Amino acid sequence: MPPAVWLAPAARRGPRWLARTTGAVLRPDETLTLRLHLPRGSAMNFVPVDYAADAAVRLAARPVPPGVRTCHVVHLVDIPNDLWLPAVASVLP
């Protein structure tokens, strides 16, 4: 599972929940270190909310053929983990 899927909910629940869930050791100041093992040179695809909303509106306006239709809304450019991860780590508690 990509980190983006569980990182925000884990941050909202706090370090106590994360320590209980993962077995990590909570420090006396109630902080812990979270390590993400990501392949060197890998990237994530972040989709700005306005971009995703526009895509959803355009997709909803299309005629719908019978059956199931799956549409993947992705950004045109992946963001290298070396760029986004330090930015996220700097704002997480």
N, C-alpha and C. Protein backbone atom coordinates (compact mmCIF):
# COMPACT_ATOMS: atom_id res chain seq x y z
N MET A 1 0.85 -1.17 0.00
CA MET A 1 0.00 0.00 0.00
C MET A 1 0.89 1.24 0.00
N PRO A 2 0.62 2.19 -0.90
CA PRO A 2 1.46 3.39 -0.94
C PRO A 2 1.35 4.20 0.34
N PRO A 3 2.43 4.88 0.74
CA PRO A 3 2.41 5.66 1.97
C PRO A 3 1.30 6.70 2.01
N ALA A 4 0.98 7.30 0.88
CA ALA A 4 -0.04 8.34 0.87
C ALA A 4 -1.39 7.83 1.34
N VAL A 5 -1.66 6.57 1.17
CA VAL A 5 -2.95 6.00 1.55
C VAL A 5 -3.11 5.95 3.06
N TRP A 6 -2.04 5.69 3.80
CA TRP A 6 -2.17 5.54 5.26
C TRP A 6 -1.46 6.60 6.06
N LEU A 7 -0.65 7.43 5.45
CA LEU A 7 0.13 8.41 6.19
C LEU A 7 -0.76 9.46 6.85
N ALA A 8 -1.70 10.05 6.12
CA ALA A 8 -2.55 11.10 6.70
C ALA A 8 -3.45 10.56 7.81
N PRO A 9 -4.17 9.43 7.61
CA PRO A 9 -4.97 8.90 8.73
C PRO A 9 -4.11 8.55 9.95
N ALA A 10 -2.93 8.02 9.72
CA ALA A 10 -2.04 7.68 10.84
C ALA A 10 -1.62 8.94 11.58
N ALA A 11 -1.32 10.00 10.86
CA ALA A 11 -0.92 11.25 11.50
C ALA A 11 -2.07 11.84 12.31
N ARG A 12 -3.30 11.73 11.81
CA ARG A 12 -4.47 12.25 12.54
C ARG A 12 -4.71 11.47 13.83
N ARG A 13 -4.48 10.18 13.81
CA ARG A 13 -4.72 9.36 15.00
C ARG A 13 -3.65 9.56 16.06
N GLY A 14 -2.48 9.97 15.65
CA GLY A 14 -1.44 10.32 16.60
C GLY A 14 -0.44 9.22 16.87
N PRO A 15 0.64 9.58 17.56
CA PRO A 15 1.74 8.64 17.78
C PRO A 15 1.36 7.47 18.67
N ARG A 16 0.47 7.66 19.64
CA ARG A 16 0.09 6.53 20.51
C ARG A 16 -0.58 5.43 19.70
N TRP A 17 -1.51 5.81 18.82
CA TRP A 17 -2.20 4.84 17.98
C TRP A 17 -1.21 4.14 17.06
N LEU A 18 -0.32 4.92 16.46
CA LEU A 18 0.65 4.34 15.53
C LEU A 18 1.58 3.38 16.24
N ALA A 19 2.01 3.73 17.45
CA ALA A 19 2.90 2.84 18.22
C ALA A 19 2.17 1.55 18.57
N ARG A 20 0.92 1.66 19.02
CA ARG A 20 0.14 0.45 19.35
C ARG A 20 -0.05 -0.43 18.12
N THR A 21 -0.33 0.19 17.00
CA THR A 21 -0.63 -0.55 15.77
C THR A 21 0.60 -1.23 15.19
N THR A 22 1.74 -0.56 15.25
CA THR A 22 2.94 -1.08 14.59
C THR A 22 3.91 -1.77 15.54
N GLY A 23 3.71 -1.58 16.86
CA GLY A 23 4.66 -2.13 17.81
C GLY A 23 5.89 -1.25 17.98
N ALA A 24 5.84 -0.04 17.41
CA ALA A 24 6.97 0.89 17.55
C ALA A 24 7.08 1.36 18.99
N VAL A 25 8.25 1.80 19.37
CA VAL A 25 8.50 2.27 20.73
C VAL A 25 8.24 3.77 20.78
N LEU A 26 7.31 4.16 21.64
CA LEU A 26 6.99 5.56 21.82
C LEU A 26 7.96 6.17 22.82
N ARG A 27 8.59 7.28 22.45
CA ARG A 27 9.53 7.96 23.35
C ARG A 27 8.77 8.64 24.49
N PRO A 28 9.45 9.00 25.56
CA PRO A 28 8.79 9.69 26.67
C PRO A 28 8.10 10.99 26.25
N ASP A 29 8.62 11.65 25.21
CA ASP A 29 7.97 12.89 24.74
C ASP A 29 6.84 12.60 23.75
N GLU A 30 6.44 11.32 23.67
CA GLU A 30 5.35 10.84 22.80
C GLU A 30 5.61 11.07 21.32
N THR A 31 6.87 10.94 20.93
CA THR A 31 7.21 10.96 19.51
C THR A 31 7.78 9.60 19.14
N LEU A 32 7.77 9.32 17.86
CA LEU A 32 8.39 8.10 17.36
C LEU A 32 8.91 8.38 15.97
N THR A 33 9.78 7.52 15.52
CA THR A 33 10.34 7.66 14.18
C THR A 33 9.60 6.73 13.24
N LEU A 34 9.13 7.27 12.16
CA LEU A 34 8.43 6.48 11.15
C LEU A 34 9.34 6.38 9.94
N ARG A 35 9.70 5.18 9.57
CA ARG A 35 10.58 4.98 8.42
C ARG A 35 9.76 4.41 7.26
N LEU A 36 9.95 5.00 6.11
CA LEU A 36 9.29 4.52 4.90
C LEU A 36 10.37 3.91 4.01
N HIS A 37 10.20 2.68 3.67
CA HIS A 37 11.17 2.00 2.82
C HIS A 37 10.68 2.12 1.38
N LEU A 38 11.26 3.06 0.66
CA LEU A 38 10.86 3.34 -0.71
C LEU A 38 12.04 3.06 -1.63
N PRO A 39 11.77 2.45 -2.76
CA PRO A 39 12.88 2.16 -3.68
C PRO A 39 13.59 3.45 -4.12
N ARG A 40 14.90 3.39 -4.21
CA ARG A 40 15.70 4.56 -4.65
C ARG A 40 15.23 4.96 -6.04
N GLY A 41 15.00 6.25 -6.22
CA GLY A 41 14.58 6.76 -7.52
C GLY A 41 13.09 6.64 -7.78
N SER A 42 12.31 6.14 -6.80
CA SER A 42 10.87 6.00 -7.03
C SER A 42 10.15 7.33 -6.85
N ALA A 43 8.89 7.37 -7.23
CA ALA A 43 8.12 8.61 -7.20
C ALA A 43 6.66 8.32 -6.87
N MET A 44 5.95 9.38 -6.47
CA MET A 44 4.51 9.29 -6.20
C MET A 44 3.80 10.19 -7.20
N ASN A 45 2.52 9.91 -7.39
CA ASN A 45 1.73 10.74 -8.28
C ASN A 45 0.73 11.52 -7.44
N PHE A 46 0.97 12.82 -7.27
CA PHE A 46 0.08 13.69 -6.52
C PHE A 46 -0.83 14.42 -7.49
N VAL A 47 -2.11 14.41 -7.19
CA VAL A 47 -3.08 15.06 -8.07
C VAL A 47 -3.67 16.26 -7.34
N PRO A 48 -3.42 17.49 -7.82
CA PRO A 48 -4.03 18.66 -7.19
C PRO A 48 -5.56 18.55 -7.21
N VAL A 49 -6.19 19.01 -6.15
CA VAL A 49 -7.64 18.85 -6.01
C VAL A 49 -8.39 19.52 -7.16
N ASP A 50 -7.94 20.68 -7.62
CA ASP A 50 -8.63 21.36 -8.74
C ASP A 50 -8.54 20.53 -10.02
N TYR A 51 -7.39 19.92 -10.24
CA TYR A 51 -7.18 19.08 -11.41
C TYR A 51 -8.12 17.87 -11.36
N ALA A 52 -8.20 17.23 -10.18
CA ALA A 52 -9.06 16.06 -10.02
C ALA A 52 -10.53 16.43 -10.16
N ALA A 53 -10.94 17.56 -9.59
CA ALA A 53 -12.34 18.00 -9.69
C ALA A 53 -12.70 18.28 -11.14
N ASP A 54 -11.82 18.95 -11.86
CA ASP A 54 -12.08 19.23 -13.27
C ASP A 54 -12.21 17.95 -14.08
N ALA A 55 -11.33 16.99 -13.80
CA ALA A 55 -11.39 15.70 -14.50
C ALA A 55 -12.70 14.98 -14.19
N ALA A 56 -13.14 15.01 -12.93
CA ALA A 56 -14.39 14.35 -12.54
C ALA A 56 -15.58 14.99 -13.24
N VAL A 57 -15.60 16.30 -13.34
CA VAL A 57 -16.71 16.99 -14.02
C VAL A 57 -16.73 16.62 -15.50
N ARG A 58 -15.55 16.64 -16.13
CA ARG A 58 -15.49 16.27 -17.55
C ARG A 58 -15.90 14.81 -17.78
N LEU A 59 -15.49 13.92 -16.89
CA LEU A 59 -15.88 12.50 -17.03
C LEU A 59 -17.38 12.32 -16.82
N ALA A 60 -17.94 13.05 -15.87
CA ALA A 60 -19.37 12.93 -15.60
C ALA A 60 -20.22 13.44 -16.76
N ALA A 61 -19.69 14.35 -17.56
CA ALA A 61 -20.43 14.90 -18.69
C ALA A 61 -20.43 13.99 -19.91
N ARG A 62 -19.58 13.01 -19.92
CA ARG A 62 -19.51 12.09 -21.06
C ARG A 62 -20.71 11.14 -21.06
N PRO A 63 -21.14 10.71 -22.26
CA PRO A 63 -22.18 9.68 -22.30
C PRO A 63 -21.65 8.39 -21.66
N VAL A 64 -22.53 7.70 -20.96
CA VAL A 64 -22.12 6.50 -20.24
C VAL A 64 -22.64 5.26 -20.97
N PRO A 65 -21.72 4.44 -21.49
CA PRO A 65 -22.16 3.19 -22.12
C PRO A 65 -22.58 2.20 -21.04
N PRO A 66 -23.32 1.16 -21.42
CA PRO A 66 -23.70 0.14 -20.43
C PRO A 66 -22.46 -0.54 -19.85
N GLY A 67 -22.59 -1.01 -18.63
CA GLY A 67 -21.49 -1.73 -17.99
C GLY A 67 -20.72 -0.84 -17.03
N VAL A 68 -19.61 -1.38 -16.60
CA VAL A 68 -18.77 -0.68 -15.63
C VAL A 68 -17.67 0.07 -16.36
N ARG A 69 -17.40 1.29 -15.92
CA ARG A 69 -16.33 2.08 -16.52
C ARG A 69 -15.42 2.58 -15.40
N THR A 70 -14.14 2.35 -15.56
CA THR A 70 -13.16 2.81 -14.58
C THR A 70 -12.29 3.88 -15.23
N CYS A 71 -12.14 4.99 -14.55
CA CYS A 71 -11.30 6.07 -15.04
C CYS A 71 -10.25 6.39 -13.98
N HIS A 72 -9.01 6.41 -14.37
CA HIS A 72 -7.92 6.72 -13.45
C HIS A 72 -7.51 8.18 -13.66
N VAL A 73 -7.66 8.97 -12.62
CA VAL A 73 -7.27 10.37 -12.69
C VAL A 73 -5.88 10.49 -12.07
N VAL A 74 -4.92 10.80 -12.91
CA VAL A 74 -3.54 10.94 -12.44
C VAL A 74 -2.96 12.24 -12.99
N HIS A 75 -1.95 12.73 -12.34
CA HIS A 75 -1.24 13.91 -12.82
C HIS A 75 -0.27 13.48 -13.91
N LEU A 76 0.07 14.40 -14.77
CA LEU A 76 0.98 14.07 -15.87
C LEU A 76 2.42 13.85 -15.43
N VAL A 77 2.77 14.38 -14.25
CA VAL A 77 4.15 14.30 -13.78
C VAL A 77 4.21 13.66 -12.40
N ASP A 78 4.99 12.61 -12.25
CA ASP A 78 5.23 12.01 -10.93
C ASP A 78 6.24 12.88 -10.18
N ILE A 79 6.10 12.92 -8.85
CA ILE A 79 7.00 13.71 -8.01
C ILE A 79 7.99 12.75 -7.35
N PRO A 80 9.30 12.94 -7.55
CA PRO A 80 10.29 12.05 -6.93
C PRO A 80 10.16 12.04 -5.41
N ASN A 81 10.29 10.86 -4.81
CA ASN A 81 10.19 10.75 -3.35
C ASN A 81 11.22 11.62 -2.63
N ASP A 82 12.37 11.81 -3.24
CA ASP A 82 13.40 12.66 -2.63
C ASP A 82 12.95 14.11 -2.51
N LEU A 83 11.92 14.50 -3.26
CA LEU A 83 11.42 15.87 -3.21
C LEU A 83 10.25 16.02 -2.24
N TRP A 84 9.24 15.13 -2.34
CA TRP A 84 8.04 15.32 -1.51
C TRP A 84 8.21 14.82 -0.08
N LEU A 85 8.98 13.77 0.12
CA LEU A 85 9.07 13.18 1.45
C LEU A 85 9.66 14.13 2.50
N PRO A 86 10.76 14.83 2.21
CA PRO A 86 11.26 15.79 3.21
C PRO A 86 10.26 16.90 3.51
N ALA A 87 9.50 17.32 2.50
CA ALA A 87 8.49 18.37 2.73
C ALA A 87 7.40 17.88 3.66
N VAL A 88 6.92 16.67 3.46
CA VAL A 88 5.88 16.10 4.32
C VAL A 88 6.44 15.88 5.73
N ALA A 89 7.64 15.36 5.83
CA ALA A 89 8.24 15.10 7.14
C ALA A 89 8.44 16.38 7.93
N SER A 90 8.63 17.50 7.26
CA SER A 90 8.87 18.75 7.98
C SER A 90 7.61 19.31 8.63
N VAL A 91 6.43 18.86 8.21
CA VAL A 91 5.19 19.39 8.78
C VAL A 91 4.44 18.39 9.65
N LEU A 92 4.86 17.14 9.65
CA LEU A 92 4.20 16.16 10.51
C LEU A 92 4.70 16.31 11.94
N PRO A 93 3.80 16.04 12.89
CA PRO A 93 4.23 16.16 14.29
C PRO A 93 5.29 15.13 14.66
